[in-house]
Amino acid sequence: MAVRDIALGRFVLVDSPVHDLDPRTKIISTIALTIALFSSDSALVLAICGAVTLLAAARSHIPARLLLRSLGPFLWLFSFTFLLHAVLTPGQALWYLPAFDISFTREGIAYGLLLCSRLVIAISLASLMTLTTTPMELTNALERLLRPLRRCGFPAHEFAMMVTISIRFIPVLLDEAERLHKAQLSRGADFGGSLLQRARQMVPLIVPLFVSAFDRADRLALAMESRAYGCGIARTSFRELCFRRRDLVAAATTGISVIAIIMFDAL
């Protein structure tokens, strides 16, 4: 799996009920489900969050292979998390390695699988949100959600724009890294070898990537200034956000799931 397969920050135009939802509904639902997901160690909570995620994925009409490919670059994180807890969590030993003086415990394997499942669901939720929401919709939604903080002097619009630009630049930089990688390979570069050799060979790839990122940022700032962005005038939205019946259904589904998780933990 390559870094270009990461779905975070990409938008796929598909006619689906999830695409038609208000972006504020998707942001709030994603945050609420993620918090509920990491608030309990119960397998039932994991099953509820997983079922809601599968339902959202099915209703979004996003190809399943795209979501699965987006998990590929995080396999190292899943493996590291699983091995770390399988070895360090005390409990009944199932497999002992005398050469390293370590043992895999039953409790560690179970907890490692639980954490990996959490990460899979959380990454899938974040990917679904960006795959079904345009960057402009994300900006407007974040600004509307943070608007009450303006009374405290918080720059809601600037913060929303900064977050959205950061998310939007993820696939752009990944595509640029893939292009530079292919260009270096065509020139005879070798990115194999030991870990230290790979780190040294990444320098010809990282330096032009940073130069390209700074150049894009400079051009973006120039384009925003040429359009009189940030002149202190109150900005309006071309498309006003509004909650509809489908948003109430989605919010109710998320709310029922979170309430079920809270009630289960209280028992």
Protein backbone atom coordinates (compact mmCIF):
# COMPACT_ATOMS: atom_id res chain seq x y z
CA MET A 1 0.00 0.00 0.00
CA ALA A 2 1.29 3.46 -0.90
CA VAL A 3 0.69 6.80 0.75
CA ARG A 4 -1.34 7.86 -2.26
CA ASP A 5 -4.06 5.46 -1.09
CA ILE A 6 -4.84 7.60 1.97
CA ALA A 7 -8.41 8.83 1.58
CA LEU A 8 -8.19 11.53 4.25
CA GLY A 9 -8.58 14.93 2.57
CA ARG A 10 -9.96 13.61 -0.71
CA PHE A 11 -13.49 14.22 -1.96
CA VAL A 12 -15.42 11.79 -4.16
CA LEU A 13 -18.47 13.20 -5.93
CA VAL A 14 -21.24 10.61 -5.64
CA ASP A 15 -24.99 11.02 -5.41
CA SER A 16 -25.75 9.59 -1.96
CA PRO A 17 -27.73 10.47 1.20
CA VAL A 18 -24.50 10.96 3.15
CA HIS A 19 -23.21 13.50 0.63
CA ASP A 20 -26.46 15.44 0.99
CA LEU A 21 -26.18 15.72 4.77
CA ASP A 22 -25.33 19.04 6.35
CA PRO A 23 -21.54 19.09 7.00
CA ARG A 24 -22.17 20.11 10.60
CA THR A 25 -24.12 16.90 11.11
CA LYS A 26 -21.22 14.85 9.76
CA ILE A 27 -18.63 16.65 11.86
CA ILE A 28 -20.62 16.38 15.10
CA SER A 29 -21.52 12.74 14.43
CA THR A 30 -17.91 11.82 13.67
CA ILE A 31 -16.63 13.51 16.84
CA ALA A 32 -19.38 11.99 19.01
CA LEU A 33 -18.82 8.46 17.70
CA THR A 34 -15.05 8.74 18.04
CA ILE A 35 -15.31 9.91 21.66
CA ALA A 36 -17.80 7.14 22.44
CA LEU A 37 -15.55 4.61 20.71
CA PHE A 38 -12.55 5.41 22.91
CA SER A 39 -14.55 5.87 26.12
CA SER A 40 -15.16 2.18 26.78
CA ASP A 41 -13.27 -1.10 26.48
CA SER A 42 -16.42 -3.12 25.85
CA ALA A 43 -16.75 -5.23 22.74
CA LEU A 44 -20.43 -4.24 22.54
CA VAL A 45 -19.48 -0.55 22.26
CA LEU A 46 -17.06 -1.48 19.50
CA ALA A 47 -19.80 -3.41 17.72
CA ILE A 48 -22.24 -0.47 17.93
CA CYS A 49 -19.72 2.01 16.53
CA GLY A 50 -18.69 -0.47 13.86
CA ALA A 51 -22.30 -1.04 12.82
CA VAL A 52 -22.94 2.72 12.52
CA THR A 53 -19.75 3.10 10.47
CA LEU A 54 -20.76 0.27 8.13
CA LEU A 55 -24.22 1.80 7.74
CA ALA A 56 -22.73 5.20 6.88
CA ALA A 57 -20.29 3.60 4.43
CA ALA A 58 -23.11 1.71 2.71
CA ARG A 59 -25.31 4.81 2.46
CA SER A 60 -22.43 6.93 1.13
CA HIS A 61 -22.04 4.74 -2.00
CA ILE A 62 -18.26 5.07 -1.64
CA PRO A 63 -16.49 2.01 -3.14
CA ALA A 64 -15.45 -0.38 -0.39
CA ARG A 65 -12.03 -0.86 -1.96
CA LEU A 66 -11.34 2.86 -1.54
CA LEU A 67 -11.96 2.70 2.20
CA LEU A 68 -9.93 -0.49 2.52
CA ARG A 69 -7.05 1.01 0.55
CA SER A 70 -7.09 4.03 2.83
CA LEU A 71 -6.31 1.74 5.77
CA GLY A 72 -3.24 0.26 4.05
CA PRO A 73 -0.76 3.03 4.94
CA PHE A 74 -1.70 2.61 8.61
CA LEU A 75 -0.88 -1.10 8.77
CA TRP A 76 2.40 -0.29 10.51
CA LEU A 77 0.46 1.56 13.23
CA PHE A 78 -1.94 -1.36 13.69
CA SER A 79 0.93 -3.84 13.85
CA PHE A 80 2.94 -1.75 16.31
CA THR A 81 -0.09 -1.20 18.55
CA PHE A 82 -0.99 -4.89 18.56
CA LEU A 83 2.54 -6.13 19.26
CA LEU A 84 3.15 -3.52 21.96
CA HIS A 85 0.07 -4.51 23.97
CA ALA A 86 0.40 -8.23 23.24
CA VAL A 87 3.87 -8.24 24.80
CA LEU A 88 3.61 -5.64 27.57
CA THR A 89 0.14 -6.42 28.96
CA PRO A 90 0.42 -8.84 31.93
CA GLY A 91 -1.68 -11.98 31.91
CA GLN A 92 -1.73 -15.62 30.89
CA ALA A 93 1.20 -16.39 28.60
CA LEU A 94 0.29 -18.10 25.32
CA TRP A 95 3.56 -17.93 23.42
CA TYR A 96 7.03 -17.45 24.89
CA LEU A 97 10.11 -16.39 22.90
CA PRO A 98 13.19 -17.37 24.90
CA ALA A 99 15.55 -15.62 22.47
CA PHE A 100 14.01 -12.23 23.35
CA ASP A 101 12.71 -13.18 26.81
CA ILE A 102 9.21 -11.97 25.95
CA SER A 103 5.82 -13.65 25.94
CA PHE A 104 2.50 -12.95 24.26
CA THR A 105 -0.36 -12.93 26.75
CA ARG A 106 -4.00 -13.74 26.19
CA GLU A 107 -5.12 -10.44 27.72
CA GLY A 108 -2.56 -8.49 25.68
CA ILE A 109 -3.70 -10.05 22.40
CA ALA A 110 -7.35 -9.32 23.21
CA TYR A 111 -6.61 -5.70 24.18
CA GLY A 112 -4.37 -5.21 21.15
CA LEU A 113 -7.14 -6.40 18.83
CA LEU A 114 -9.56 -4.05 20.59
CA LEU A 115 -7.30 -1.02 20.10
CA CYS A 116 -6.62 -1.92 16.45
CA SER A 117 -10.36 -2.20 15.83
CA ARG A 118 -10.84 1.22 17.41
CA LEU A 119 -8.22 2.75 15.13
CA VAL A 120 -9.77 1.12 12.06
CA ILE A 121 -13.22 2.53 12.88
CA ALA A 122 -11.87 5.99 13.78
CA ILE A 123 -9.83 6.26 10.56
CA SER A 124 -12.79 5.01 8.52
CA LEU A 125 -15.08 7.63 10.08
CA ALA A 126 -12.61 10.44 9.34
CA SER A 127 -12.12 9.18 5.79
CA LEU A 128 -15.87 8.99 5.21
CA MET A 129 -16.31 12.56 6.40
CA THR A 130 -13.71 13.96 4.00
CA LEU A 131 -14.72 11.69 1.12
CA THR A 132 -18.31 12.96 1.29
CA THR A 133 -17.66 16.64 2.13
CA THR A 134 -15.99 19.31 0.02
CA PRO A 135 -13.30 21.49 1.61
CA MET A 136 -15.53 24.56 1.31
CA GLU A 137 -18.35 22.79 3.14
CA LEU A 138 -15.94 21.80 5.90
CA THR A 139 -14.81 25.41 6.24
CA ASN A 140 -18.36 26.74 6.48
CA ALA A 141 -19.39 24.03 8.94
CA LEU A 142 -16.42 24.58 11.25
CA GLU A 143 -16.97 28.32 11.16
CA ARG A 144 -20.64 27.97 12.05
CA LEU A 145 -19.87 25.54 14.87
CA LEU A 146 -17.17 27.80 16.31
CA ARG A 147 -19.07 31.05 15.77
CA PRO A 148 -20.22 31.36 19.43
CA LEU A 149 -16.56 31.53 20.47
CA ARG A 150 -16.17 34.83 18.62
CA ARG A 151 -17.53 36.58 21.70
CA CYS A 152 -14.39 35.42 23.52
CA GLY A 153 -12.14 36.77 20.76
CA PHE A 154 -11.56 33.40 19.11
CA PRO A 155 -10.87 33.73 15.33
CA ALA A 156 -13.43 31.14 14.23
CA HIS A 157 -13.23 31.80 10.50
CA GLU A 158 -9.43 31.89 10.38
CA PHE A 159 -9.17 28.69 12.41
CA ALA A 160 -11.70 26.90 10.20
CA MET A 161 -9.89 28.02 7.07
CA MET A 162 -6.53 26.89 8.48
CA VAL A 163 -7.85 23.42 9.38
CA THR A 164 -9.56 22.99 6.02
CA ILE A 165 -6.49 24.04 4.04
CA SER A 166 -4.38 21.61 6.06
CA ILE A 167 -6.77 18.74 5.29
CA ARG A 168 -7.05 19.77 1.64
CA PHE A 169 -3.27 19.80 1.21
CA ILE A 170 -2.86 16.22 2.46
CA PRO A 171 -3.76 14.53 -0.86
CA VAL A 172 -1.95 17.25 -2.83
CA LEU A 173 1.30 16.65 -0.96
CA LEU A 174 0.86 12.88 -1.18
CA ASP A 175 0.43 13.10 -4.96
CA GLU A 176 3.48 15.35 -5.16
CA ALA A 177 5.50 12.88 -3.08
CA GLU A 178 4.44 10.04 -5.37
CA ARG A 179 5.47 12.06 -8.44
CA LEU A 180 8.88 12.88 -6.94
CA HIS A 181 9.36 9.25 -5.94
CA LYS A 182 8.75 8.06 -9.51
CA ALA A 183 11.04 10.78 -10.86
CA GLN A 184 13.86 9.66 -8.55
CA LEU A 185 13.34 6.02 -9.50
CA SER A 186 13.55 6.91 -13.20
CA ARG A 187 16.93 8.54 -12.46
CA GLY A 188 18.26 5.33 -10.90
CA ALA A 189 17.60 6.08 -7.24
CA ASP A 190 17.41 3.09 -4.91
CA PHE A 191 15.16 3.38 -1.86
CA GLY A 192 15.95 -0.10 -0.52
CA GLY A 193 18.53 -1.32 1.95
CA SER A 194 18.72 -1.00 5.71
CA LEU A 195 16.71 1.44 7.78
CA LEU A 196 19.63 3.89 7.96
CA GLN A 197 20.20 3.69 4.21
CA ARG A 198 16.52 4.30 3.53
CA ALA A 199 16.60 7.36 5.80
CA ARG A 200 19.56 8.79 3.90
CA GLN A 201 17.99 8.05 0.53
CA MET A 202 14.82 9.92 1.54
CA VAL A 203 16.69 13.25 1.63
CA PRO A 204 16.50 13.78 -2.18
CA LEU A 205 12.74 13.20 -1.86
CA ILE A 206 12.00 15.28 1.23
CA VAL A 207 13.90 18.42 0.22
CA PRO A 208 12.05 19.04 -3.10
CA LEU A 209 8.79 18.10 -1.38
CA PHE A 210 9.30 20.86 1.20
CA VAL A 211 10.29 23.32 -1.54
CA SER A 212 7.14 22.44 -3.49
CA ALA A 213 4.97 22.78 -0.35
CA PHE A 214 6.37 26.25 0.42
CA ASP A 215 5.87 27.29 -3.20
CA ARG A 216 2.23 26.14 -3.12
CA ALA A 217 1.66 27.95 0.15
CA ASP A 218 3.14 31.16 -1.25
CA ARG A 219 0.97 30.97 -4.37
CA LEU A 220 -2.11 30.25 -2.26
CA ALA A 221 -1.41 33.27 -0.03
CA LEU A 222 -0.91 35.47 -3.10
CA ALA A 223 -4.18 34.25 -4.63
CA MET A 224 -6.08 34.92 -1.39
CA GLU A 225 -4.62 38.42 -1.09
CA SER A 226 -5.46 39.23 -4.71
CA ARG A 227 -9.09 38.39 -3.92
CA ALA A 228 -9.09 40.78 -0.94
CA TYR A 229 -9.25 37.96 1.60
CA GLY A 230 -8.75 39.11 5.19
CA CYS A 231 -9.52 42.81 4.70
CA GLY A 232 -11.67 42.92 7.80
CA ILE A 233 -14.99 42.89 5.96
CA ALA A 234 -17.58 40.38 7.16
CA ARG A 235 -17.70 37.54 4.67
CA THR A 236 -20.88 35.84 3.49
CA SER A 237 -21.43 32.30 2.20
CA PHE A 238 -22.53 31.50 -1.32
CA ARG A 239 -24.47 28.48 -0.01
CA GLU A 240 -26.12 28.79 3.37
CA LEU A 241 -26.18 25.70 5.57
CA CYS A 242 -29.50 24.41 6.85
CA PHE A 243 -30.64 21.31 8.73
CA ARG A 244 -33.18 19.10 6.99
CA ARG A 245 -35.11 15.96 7.80
CA ARG A 246 -32.27 13.66 6.76
CA ASP A 247 -29.98 15.50 9.17
CA LEU A 248 -32.41 14.86 12.01
CA VAL A 249 -32.47 11.15 11.11
CA ALA A 250 -28.68 10.96 11.03
CA ALA A 251 -28.34 12.91 14.29
CA ALA A 252 -30.97 10.70 15.92
CA THR A 253 -29.11 7.56 14.83
CA THR A 254 -25.85 8.89 16.25
CA GLY A 255 -27.55 10.08 19.42
CA ILE A 256 -29.25 6.73 20.04
CA SER A 257 -25.94 4.95 19.54
CA VAL A 258 -24.10 7.24 21.98
CA ILE A 259 -26.91 6.96 24.55
CA ALA A 260 -26.83 3.18 24.26
CA ILE A 261 -23.08 3.24 24.88
CA ILE A 262 -23.47 5.51 27.93
CA MET A 263 -26.27 3.36 29.38
CA PHE A 264 -24.27 0.18 28.82
CA ASP A 265 -21.25 1.63 30.63
CA ALA A 266 -23.45 2.77 33.51
CA LEU A 267 -24.72 -0.78 34.12
